[in-house]
């Protein structure tokens, strides 16, 4: 069992790391400081993923994207310790994900996967799956299944895969796969606005418009107040569902009471 003081120190270190993106957003060195924080507590890949995904999103929302503060060379450098390297990788790849830069993300991970380098952790491979899925590349489905076999119910990892399925509009049974993934215990809380948003999009693609409207209305209701950019995405999805439903109804032939088109 971890001694109480160690648990307290670990919690404080994680809080400090999570605050990096908001405490000093104008300081271009904050990503490097953040990368050093998990080393002191020997954070595993799951903890790193949680800290880095949130930090990358927060920085982007504040107009200080990690992509303007780090470079691919910071990620591919081999002279850092493994934990710091992994943290920088998670941070930079997460920023690429939030900007939908799928080809760049794919190419960078493939550089990291070259022989003689360290094996890729589960979250990095999930981000690789996202890059492939987002381009509707079928091999992304294979990588996704490999990640799911290891990730268990890690929410951040499942969110990355869900994001990829949502973005990959031309994947084989992409909408059905998204709905199946969203039903896993870590995602099926019924109160996560992002999950509900992605589910609504899948239902729209399947022509299940009323269910889609129900999902997007719950998403809007669950979204924390003040999240303007995400709120706009949800409202846009609701408009798309309504437009698709109206178009479907307009195209459906009028029928008589006997069911025969009039």
C-alpha atoms as a PDB file:
ATOM      1  CA  UNK A   1       0.000   0.000   0.000  1.00  0.00           C
ATOM      2  CA  UNK A   2       1.250   3.493  -0.837  1.00  0.00           C
ATOM      3  CA  UNK A   3       1.984   5.537   2.317  1.00  0.00           C
ATOM      4  CA  UNK A   4      -0.431   8.469   2.849  1.00  0.00           C
ATOM      5  CA  UNK A   5       2.304  11.069   2.375  1.00  0.00           C
ATOM      6  CA  UNK A   6       3.253   9.538  -0.954  1.00  0.00           C
ATOM      7  CA  UNK A   7      -0.352   9.573  -2.121  1.00  0.00           C
ATOM      8  CA  UNK A   8      -0.647  13.205  -1.055  1.00  0.00           C
ATOM      9  CA  UNK A   9       2.545  14.102  -2.865  1.00  0.00           C
ATOM     10  CA  UNK A  10       1.408  12.273  -5.979  1.00  0.00           C
ATOM     11  CA  UNK A  11      -1.924  14.097  -5.992  1.00  0.00           C
ATOM     12  CA  UNK A  12      -0.147  17.428  -5.577  1.00  0.00           C
ATOM     13  CA  UNK A  13       2.215  16.638  -8.446  1.00  0.00           C
ATOM     14  CA  UNK A  14      -0.677  15.712 -10.720  1.00  0.00           C
ATOM     15  CA  UNK A  15      -2.539  18.884  -9.790  1.00  0.00           C
ATOM     16  CA  UNK A  16       0.571  20.908 -10.567  1.00  0.00           C
ATOM     17  CA  UNK A  17       0.957  19.210 -13.937  1.00  0.00           C
ATOM     18  CA  UNK A  18      -2.691  19.739 -14.865  1.00  0.00           C
ATOM     19  CA  UNK A  19      -2.413  23.428 -13.977  1.00  0.00           C
ATOM     20  CA  UNK A  20       0.547  24.065 -16.280  1.00  0.00           C
ATOM     21  CA  UNK A  21      -1.563  24.944 -19.318  1.00  0.00           C
ATOM     22  CA  UNK A  22      -3.659  27.473 -17.403  1.00  0.00           C
ATOM     23  CA  UNK A  23      -1.197  28.827 -14.844  1.00  0.00           C
ATOM     24  CA  UNK A  24       1.347  30.226 -17.315  1.00  0.00           C
ATOM     25  CA  UNK A  25      -0.132  29.913 -20.825  1.00  0.00           C
ATOM     26  CA  UNK A  26       2.076  32.715 -22.160  1.00  0.00           C
ATOM     27  CA  UNK A  27       5.260  30.978 -21.020  1.00  0.00           C
ATOM     28  CA  UNK A  28       6.534  28.996 -24.035  1.00  0.00           C
ATOM     29  CA  UNK A  29       8.418  26.612 -21.762  1.00  0.00           C
ATOM     30  CA  UNK A  30       5.400  25.274 -19.854  1.00  0.00           C
ATOM     31  CA  UNK A  31       5.131  22.086 -21.962  1.00  0.00           C
ATOM     32  CA  UNK A  32       8.706  21.174 -21.062  1.00  0.00           C
ATOM     33  CA  UNK A  33       8.018  21.806 -17.388  1.00  0.00           C
ATOM     34  CA  UNK A  34       4.855  19.725 -17.617  1.00  0.00           C
ATOM     35  CA  UNK A  35       6.828  16.896 -19.195  1.00  0.00           C
ATOM     36  CA  UNK A  36       9.083  16.787 -16.147  1.00  0.00           C
ATOM     37  CA  UNK A  37       6.250  16.658 -13.587  1.00  0.00           C
ATOM     38  CA  UNK A  38       5.152  13.027 -14.176  1.00  0.00           C
ATOM     39  CA  UNK A  39       8.747  11.830 -13.901  1.00  0.00           C
ATOM     40  CA  UNK A  40       8.851  12.623 -10.196  1.00  0.00           C
ATOM     41  CA  UNK A  41       5.912  10.326  -9.491  1.00  0.00           C
ATOM     42  CA  UNK A  42       6.826   7.755 -12.157  1.00  0.00           C
ATOM     43  CA  UNK A  43       3.445   8.196 -13.826  1.00  0.00           C
ATOM     44  CA  UNK A  44       2.193   5.368 -16.025  1.00  0.00           C
ATOM     45  CA  UNK A  45       0.834   5.835 -19.549  1.00  0.00           C
ATOM     46  CA  UNK A  46      -2.744   6.202 -18.313  1.00  0.00           C
ATOM     47  CA  UNK A  47      -1.897   9.084 -15.990  1.00  0.00           C
ATOM     48  CA  UNK A  48       0.202  10.724 -18.681  1.00  0.00           C
ATOM     49  CA  UNK A  49      -2.668  10.454 -21.165  1.00  0.00           C
ATOM     50  CA  UNK A  50      -5.132  12.045 -18.768  1.00  0.00           C
ATOM     51  CA  UNK A  51      -2.855  14.964 -17.923  1.00  0.00           C
ATOM     52  CA  UNK A  52      -1.666  15.609 -21.473  1.00  0.00           C
ATOM     53  CA  UNK A  53      -5.028  15.374 -23.224  1.00  0.00           C
ATOM     54  CA  UNK A  54      -6.541  17.892 -20.823  1.00  0.00           C
ATOM     55  CA  UNK A  55      -3.517  20.201 -21.005  1.00  0.00           C
ATOM     56  CA  UNK A  56      -3.425  20.149 -24.808  1.00  0.00           C
ATOM     57  CA  UNK A  57      -7.138  20.952 -25.025  1.00  0.00           C
ATOM     58  CA  UNK A  58      -6.934  23.712 -22.412  1.00  0.00           C
ATOM     59  CA  UNK A  59      -3.959  25.339 -24.127  1.00  0.00           C
ATOM     60  CA  UNK A  60      -5.658  25.186 -27.515  1.00  0.00           C
ATOM     61  CA  UNK A  61      -8.846  26.717 -26.115  1.00  0.00           C
ATOM     62  CA  UNK A  62      -6.800  29.556 -24.633  1.00  0.00           C
ATOM     63  CA  UNK A  63      -5.129  30.263 -27.976  1.00  0.00           C
ATOM     64  CA  UNK A  64      -1.742  28.828 -26.997  1.00  0.00           C
ATOM     65  CA  UNK A  65      -1.625  25.535 -28.861  1.00  0.00           C
ATOM     66  CA  UNK A  66       1.128  23.111 -27.962  1.00  0.00           C
ATOM     67  CA  UNK A  67       1.901  22.941 -31.686  1.00  0.00           C
ATOM     68  CA  UNK A  68       3.306  26.446 -31.493  1.00  0.00           C
ATOM     69  CA  UNK A  69       5.466  25.631 -28.480  1.00  0.00           C
ATOM     70  CA  UNK A  70       6.878  22.204 -29.312  1.00  0.00           C
ATOM     71  CA  UNK A  71       8.230  20.693 -32.508  1.00  0.00           C
ATOM     72  CA  UNK A  72       8.333  17.141 -33.867  1.00  0.00           C
ATOM     73  CA  UNK A  73      11.997  17.073 -32.886  1.00  0.00           C
ATOM     74  CA  UNK A  74      10.973  17.465 -29.235  1.00  0.00           C
ATOM     75  CA  UNK A  75       8.965  14.275 -29.617  1.00  0.00           C
ATOM     76  CA  UNK A  76      11.493  12.236 -31.561  1.00  0.00           C
ATOM     77  CA  UNK A  77      14.536  13.198 -29.459  1.00  0.00           C
ATOM     78  CA  UNK A  78      16.266  10.187 -27.908  1.00  0.00           C
ATOM     79  CA  UNK A  79      18.281  11.930 -25.195  1.00  0.00           C
ATOM     80  CA  UNK A  80      15.492  12.206 -22.604  1.00  0.00           C
ATOM     81  CA  UNK A  81      14.304   9.711 -20.018  1.00  0.00           C
ATOM     82  CA  UNK A  82      11.385   7.465 -21.067  1.00  0.00           C
ATOM     83  CA  UNK A  83       8.718   9.138 -18.913  1.00  0.00           C
ATOM     84  CA  UNK A  84       9.545  12.649 -20.111  1.00  0.00           C
ATOM     85  CA  UNK A  85       9.660  11.450 -23.714  1.00  0.00           C
ATOM     86  CA  UNK A  86       6.289   9.755 -23.366  1.00  0.00           C
ATOM     87  CA  UNK A  87       4.740  12.868 -21.823  1.00  0.00           C
ATOM     88  CA  UNK A  88       5.977  15.095 -24.642  1.00  0.00           C
ATOM     89  CA  UNK A  89       4.689  12.547 -27.146  1.00  0.00           C
ATOM     90  CA  UNK A  90       1.230  12.456 -25.574  1.00  0.00           C
ATOM     91  CA  UNK A  91       1.105  16.237 -25.371  1.00  0.00           C
ATOM     92  CA  UNK A  92       2.128  16.899 -28.970  1.00  0.00           C
ATOM     93  CA  UNK A  93       0.085  14.097 -30.525  1.00  0.00           C
ATOM     94  CA  UNK A  94      -2.984  15.194 -28.560  1.00  0.00           C
ATOM     95  CA  UNK A  95      -2.584  18.692 -29.980  1.00  0.00           C
ATOM     96  CA  UNK A  96      -2.407  17.242 -33.500  1.00  0.00           C
ATOM     97  CA  UNK A  97      -5.546  15.238 -32.786  1.00  0.00           C
ATOM     98  CA  UNK A  98      -7.520  18.271 -31.635  1.00  0.00           C
ATOM     99  CA  UNK A  99      -6.513  20.074 -34.833  1.00  0.00           C
ATOM    100  CA  UNK A 100      -7.546  17.044 -36.960  1.00  0.00           C
ATOM    101  CA  UNK A 101      -4.056  16.815 -38.477  1.00  0.00           C
ATOM    102  CA  UNK A 102      -4.395  13.125 -39.176  1.00  0.00           C
ATOM    103  CA  UNK A 103      -1.708  12.659 -41.872  1.00  0.00           C
ATOM    104  CA  UNK A 104       0.877  14.528 -39.788  1.00  0.00           C
ATOM    105  CA  UNK A 105      -0.033  12.542 -36.679  1.00  0.00           C
ATOM    106  CA  UNK A 106       0.205   9.282 -38.612  1.00  0.00           C
ATOM    107  CA  UNK A 107       3.617  10.117 -40.044  1.00  0.00           C
ATOM    108  CA  UNK A 108       5.022  11.191 -36.684  1.00  0.00           C
ATOM    109  CA  UNK A 109       3.904   8.014 -34.917  1.00  0.00           C
ATOM    110  CA  UNK A 110       5.373   5.923 -37.717  1.00  0.00           C
ATOM    111  CA  UNK A 111       8.679   7.701 -37.135  1.00  0.00           C
ATOM    112  CA  UNK A 112       8.416   6.840 -33.447  1.00  0.00           C
ATOM    113  CA  UNK A 113       7.710   3.209 -34.314  1.00  0.00           C
ATOM    114  CA  UNK A 114      10.911   2.783 -36.303  1.00  0.00           C
ATOM    115  CA  UNK A 115      13.204  -0.098 -35.307  1.00  0.00           C
ATOM    116  CA  UNK A 116      15.597   0.466 -32.404  1.00  0.00           C
ATOM    117  CA  UNK A 117      13.179   2.829 -30.660  1.00  0.00           C
ATOM    118  CA  UNK A 118      11.151   2.051 -27.541  1.00  0.00           C
ATOM    119  CA  UNK A 119       7.818   0.236 -28.020  1.00  0.00           C
ATOM    120  CA  UNK A 120       4.810   2.527 -28.304  1.00  0.00           C
ATOM    121  CA  UNK A 121       2.521   2.745 -25.285  1.00  0.00           C
ATOM    122  CA  UNK A 122      -1.198   2.046 -25.551  1.00  0.00           C
ATOM    123  CA  UNK A 123      -2.311   5.690 -25.677  1.00  0.00           C
ATOM    124  CA  UNK A 124       0.164   6.568 -28.419  1.00  0.00           C
ATOM    125  CA  UNK A 125      -1.134   3.625 -30.442  1.00  0.00           C
ATOM    126  CA  UNK A 126      -4.687   4.839 -29.807  1.00  0.00           C
ATOM    127  CA  UNK A 127      -3.717   8.214 -31.250  1.00  0.00           C
ATOM    128  CA  UNK A 128      -2.235   6.376 -34.228  1.00  0.00           C
ATOM    129  CA  UNK A 129      -5.528   4.537 -34.667  1.00  0.00           C
ATOM    130  CA  UNK A 130      -7.308   7.905 -34.547  1.00  0.00           C
ATOM    131  CA  UNK A 131      -5.093   9.237 -37.334  1.00  0.00           C
ATOM    132  CA  UNK A 132      -5.871   6.244 -39.544  1.00  0.00           C
ATOM    133  CA  UNK A 133      -9.574   6.136 -38.703  1.00  0.00           C
ATOM    134  CA  UNK A 134      -9.895   9.856 -39.298  1.00  0.00           C
ATOM    135  CA  UNK A 135      -8.669   9.272 -42.847  1.00  0.00           C
ATOM    136  CA  UNK A 136     -11.129   6.361 -43.234  1.00  0.00           C
ATOM    137  CA  UNK A 137      -8.236   3.953 -43.655  1.00  0.00           C
ATOM    138  CA  UNK A 138      -9.375   0.385 -42.936  1.00  0.00           C
ATOM    139  CA  UNK A 139      -6.114  -0.554 -41.215  1.00  0.00           C
ATOM    140  CA  UNK A 140      -7.163   1.843 -38.482  1.00  0.00           C
ATOM    141  CA  UNK A 141      -9.838  -0.658 -37.477  1.00  0.00           C
ATOM    142  CA  UNK A 142      -7.170  -3.296 -36.914  1.00  0.00           C
ATOM    143  CA  UNK A 143      -5.079  -0.954 -34.786  1.00  0.00           C
ATOM    144  CA  UNK A 144      -8.213   0.020 -32.862  1.00  0.00           C
ATOM    145  CA  UNK A 145      -8.969  -3.601 -31.977  1.00  0.00           C
ATOM    146  CA  UNK A 146      -5.385  -4.092 -30.797  1.00  0.00           C
ATOM    147  CA  UNK A 147      -5.678  -1.022 -28.576  1.00  0.00           C
ATOM    148  CA  UNK A 148      -9.030  -2.126 -27.169  1.00  0.00           C
ATOM    149  CA  UNK A 149      -7.513  -5.453 -26.160  1.00  0.00           C
ATOM    150  CA  UNK A 150      -5.059  -3.609 -23.913  1.00  0.00           C
ATOM    151  CA  UNK A 151      -6.812  -0.386 -22.907  1.00  0.00           C
ATOM    152  CA  UNK A 152      -9.593  -2.048 -20.902  1.00  0.00           C
ATOM    153  CA  UNK A 153     -11.941   0.740 -19.763  1.00  0.00           C
ATOM    154  CA  UNK A 154      -9.514   3.656 -19.812  1.00  0.00           C
ATOM    155  CA  UNK A 155     -11.799   6.608 -20.690  1.00  0.00           C
ATOM    156  CA  UNK A 156      -9.255   8.845 -22.432  1.00  0.00           C
ATOM    157  CA  UNK A 157      -8.145   6.026 -24.711  1.00  0.00           C
ATOM    158  CA  UNK A 158     -11.717   5.082 -25.584  1.00  0.00           C
ATOM    159  CA  UNK A 159     -12.509   8.731 -26.313  1.00  0.00           C
ATOM    160  CA  UNK A 160      -9.636   8.873 -28.805  1.00  0.00           C
ATOM    161  CA  UNK A 161     -10.972   5.827 -30.650  1.00  0.00           C
ATOM    162  CA  UNK A 162     -14.530   7.167 -30.559  1.00  0.00           C
ATOM    163  CA  UNK A 163     -13.239  10.429 -32.023  1.00  0.00           C
ATOM    164  CA  UNK A 164     -11.574   8.559 -34.871  1.00  0.00           C
ATOM    165  CA  UNK A 165     -14.721   6.607 -35.715  1.00  0.00           C
ATOM    166  CA  UNK A 166     -16.713   9.844 -35.671  1.00  0.00           C
ATOM    167  CA  UNK A 167     -14.264  11.555 -38.020  1.00  0.00           C
ATOM    168  CA  UNK A 168     -13.892   8.640 -40.440  1.00  0.00           C
ATOM    169  CA  UNK A 169     -17.052   9.073 -42.465  1.00  0.00           C
ATOM    170  CA  UNK A 170     -16.214   6.370 -45.020  1.00  0.00           C
ATOM    171  CA  UNK A 171     -15.227   3.527 -42.695  1.00  0.00           C
ATOM    172  CA  UNK A 172     -16.946   0.183 -43.147  1.00  0.00           C
ATOM    173  CA  UNK A 173     -19.828   0.155 -40.646  1.00  0.00           C
ATOM    174  CA  UNK A 174     -18.256   3.163 -38.981  1.00  0.00           C
ATOM    175  CA  UNK A 175     -21.477   4.413 -37.403  1.00  0.00           C
ATOM    176  CA  UNK A 176     -22.362   0.969 -36.080  1.00  0.00           C
ATOM    177  CA  UNK A 177     -18.871   0.548 -34.637  1.00  0.00           C
ATOM    178  CA  UNK A 178     -19.134   3.949 -32.969  1.00  0.00           C
ATOM    179  CA  UNK A 179     -22.401   3.009 -31.291  1.00  0.00           C
ATOM    180  CA  UNK A 180     -20.920  -0.284 -30.109  1.00  0.00           C
ATOM    181  CA  UNK A 181     -17.876   1.461 -28.642  1.00  0.00           C
ATOM    182  CA  UNK A 182     -20.045   4.092 -26.950  1.00  0.00           C
ATOM    183  CA  UNK A 183     -21.870   1.323 -25.081  1.00  0.00           C
ATOM    184  CA  UNK A 184     -18.758   0.268 -23.160  1.00  0.00           C
ATOM    185  CA  UNK A 185     -19.064   0.954 -19.412  1.00  0.00           C
ATOM    186  CA  UNK A 186     -16.472   3.747 -19.334  1.00  0.00           C
ATOM    187  CA  UNK A 187     -18.398   5.726 -21.963  1.00  0.00           C
ATOM    188  CA  UNK A 188     -22.013   4.703 -21.398  1.00  0.00           C
ATOM    189  CA  UNK A 189     -22.653   7.050 -18.486  1.00  0.00           C
ATOM    190  CA  UNK A 190     -25.466   8.862 -20.262  1.00  0.00           C
ATOM    191  CA  UNK A 191     -24.098  12.197 -19.065  1.00  0.00           C
ATOM    192  CA  UNK A 192     -20.926  12.721 -21.105  1.00  0.00           C
ATOM    193  CA  UNK A 193     -21.769  15.449 -23.645  1.00  0.00           C
ATOM    194  CA  UNK A 194     -18.957  14.474 -26.012  1.00  0.00           C
ATOM    195  CA  UNK A 195     -20.020  10.831 -26.141  1.00  0.00           C
ATOM    196  CA  UNK A 196     -23.632  11.879 -26.683  1.00  0.00           C
ATOM    197  CA  UNK A 197     -22.528  14.290 -29.414  1.00  0.00           C
ATOM    198  CA  UNK A 198     -20.672  11.560 -31.288  1.00  0.00           C
ATOM    199  CA  UNK A 199     -23.539   9.111 -30.797  1.00  0.00           C
ATOM    200  CA  UNK A 200     -25.949  11.672 -32.243  1.00  0.00           C
ATOM    201  CA  UNK A 201     -23.785  11.984 -35.348  1.00  0.00           C
ATOM    202  CA  UNK A 202     -23.711   8.212 -35.797  1.00  0.00           C
ATOM    203  CA  UNK A 203     -27.478   7.980 -35.426  1.00  0.00           C
ATOM    204  CA  UNK A 204     -27.891  10.703 -38.045  1.00  0.00           C
ATOM    205  CA  UNK A 205     -25.713   8.755 -40.478  1.00  0.00           C
ATOM    206  CA  UNK A 206     -27.907   5.702 -39.884  1.00  0.00           C
ATOM    207  CA  UNK A 207     -31.099   7.668 -40.512  1.00  0.00           C
ATOM    208  CA  UNK A 208     -32.273   7.333 -36.908  1.00  0.00           C
ATOM    209  CA  UNK A 209     -33.114  10.994 -36.631  1.00  0.00           C
ATOM    210  CA  UNK A 210     -35.440  11.037 -33.633  1.00  0.00           C
ATOM    211  CA  UNK A 211     -32.926   9.076 -31.563  1.00  0.00           C
ATOM    212  CA  UNK A 212     -30.214  11.421 -32.764  1.00  0.00           C
ATOM    213  CA  UNK A 213     -32.193  14.458 -31.650  1.00  0.00           C
ATOM    214  CA  UNK A 214     -32.704  12.880 -28.246  1.00  0.00           C
ATOM    215  CA  UNK A 215     -28.972  12.241 -27.893  1.00  0.00           C
ATOM    216  CA  UNK A 216     -27.902  15.723 -28.979  1.00  0.00           C
ATOM    217  CA  UNK A 217     -30.465  17.394 -26.732  1.00  0.00           C
ATOM    218  CA  UNK A 218     -29.069  15.423 -23.777  1.00  0.00           C
ATOM    219  CA  UNK A 219     -25.557  16.438 -24.829  1.00  0.00           C
ATOM    220  CA  UNK A 220     -26.497  20.114 -24.841  1.00  0.00           C
ATOM    221  CA  UNK A 221     -28.171  19.752 -21.473  1.00  0.00           C
ATOM    222  CA  UNK A 222     -25.111  18.024 -19.956  1.00  0.00           C
ATOM    223  CA  UNK A 223     -22.524  20.452 -21.327  1.00  0.00           C
ATOM    224  CA  UNK A 224     -20.970  22.676 -18.640  1.00  0.00           C
ATOM    225  CA  UNK A 225     -21.933  26.304 -18.994  1.00  0.00           C
ATOM    226  CA  UNK A 226     -19.406  28.563 -20.662  1.00  0.00           C
ATOM    227  CA  UNK A 227     -17.983  25.982 -23.075  1.00  0.00           C
ATOM    228  CA  UNK A 228     -18.833  28.112 -26.094  1.00  0.00           C
ATOM    229  CA  UNK A 229     -16.895  26.310 -28.826  1.00  0.00           C
ATOM    230  CA  UNK A 230     -18.221  22.863 -27.949  1.00  0.00           C
ATOM    231  CA  UNK A 231     -21.739  24.262 -27.549  1.00  0.00           C
ATOM    232  CA  UNK A 232     -21.526  25.569 -31.113  1.00  0.00           C
ATOM    233  CA  UNK A 233     -20.536  22.092 -32.340  1.00  0.00           C
ATOM    234  CA  UNK A 234     -23.508  20.538 -30.565  1.00  0.00           C
ATOM    235  CA  UNK A 235     -25.952  23.077 -31.953  1.00  0.00           C
ATOM    236  CA  UNK A 236     -24.509  22.516 -35.434  1.00  0.00           C
ATOM    237  CA  UNK A 237     -25.048  18.771 -35.095  1.00  0.00           C
ATOM    238  CA  UNK A 238     -28.633  19.363 -34.023  1.00  0.00           C
ATOM    239  CA  UNK A 239     -29.185  21.490 -37.118  1.00  0.00           C
ATOM    240  CA  UNK A 240     -27.693  18.750 -39.304  1.00  0.00           C
ATOM    241  CA  UNK A 241     -30.001  16.137 -37.811  1.00  0.00           C
ATOM    242  CA  UNK A 242     -33.060  18.327 -38.326  1.00  0.00           C
ATOM    243  CA  UNK A 243     -32.045  19.130 -41.903  1.00  0.00           C
ATOM    244  CA  UNK A 244     -31.390  15.456 -42.709  1.00  0.00           C
ATOM    245  CA  UNK A 245     -34.717  14.423 -41.183  1.00  0.00           C
ATOM    246  CA  UNK A 246     -36.619  17.099 -43.086  1.00  0.00           C
ATOM    247  CA  UNK A 247     -34.918  16.149 -46.345  1.00  0.00           C
ATOM    248  CA  UNK A 248     -35.736  12.487 -45.767  1.00  0.00           C
ATOM    249  CA  UNK A 249     -39.375  13.296 -45.087  1.00  0.00           C
ATOM    250  CA  UNK A 250     -39.551  15.546 -48.142  1.00  0.00           C
ATOM    251  CA  UNK A 251     -38.160  12.821 -50.395  1.00  0.00           C
ATOM    252  CA  UNK A 252     -40.429  10.099 -49.016  1.00  0.00           C
ATOM    253  CA  UNK A 253     -43.390   9.597 -51.399  1.00  0.00           C
ATOM    254  CA  UNK A 254     -46.806  10.523 -50.091  1.00  0.00           C
ATOM    255  CA  UNK A 255     -48.865   7.436 -49.324  1.00  0.00           C
ATOM    256  CA  UNK A 256     -52.544   6.742 -49.252  1.00  0.00           C
ATOM    257  CA  UNK A 257     -54.229   5.081 -46.307  1.00  0.00           C
ATOM    258  CA  UNK A 258     -53.684   1.709 -48.013  1.00  0.00           C
ATOM    259  CA  UNK A 259     -49.932   2.257 -48.027  1.00  0.00           C
ATOM    260  CA  UNK A 260     -49.727   2.677 -51.810  1.00  0.00           C
ATOM    261  CA  UNK A 261     -47.910   5.794 -53.057  1.00  0.00           C
ATOM    262  CA  UNK A 262     -50.416   8.380 -54.257  1.00  0.00           C
END
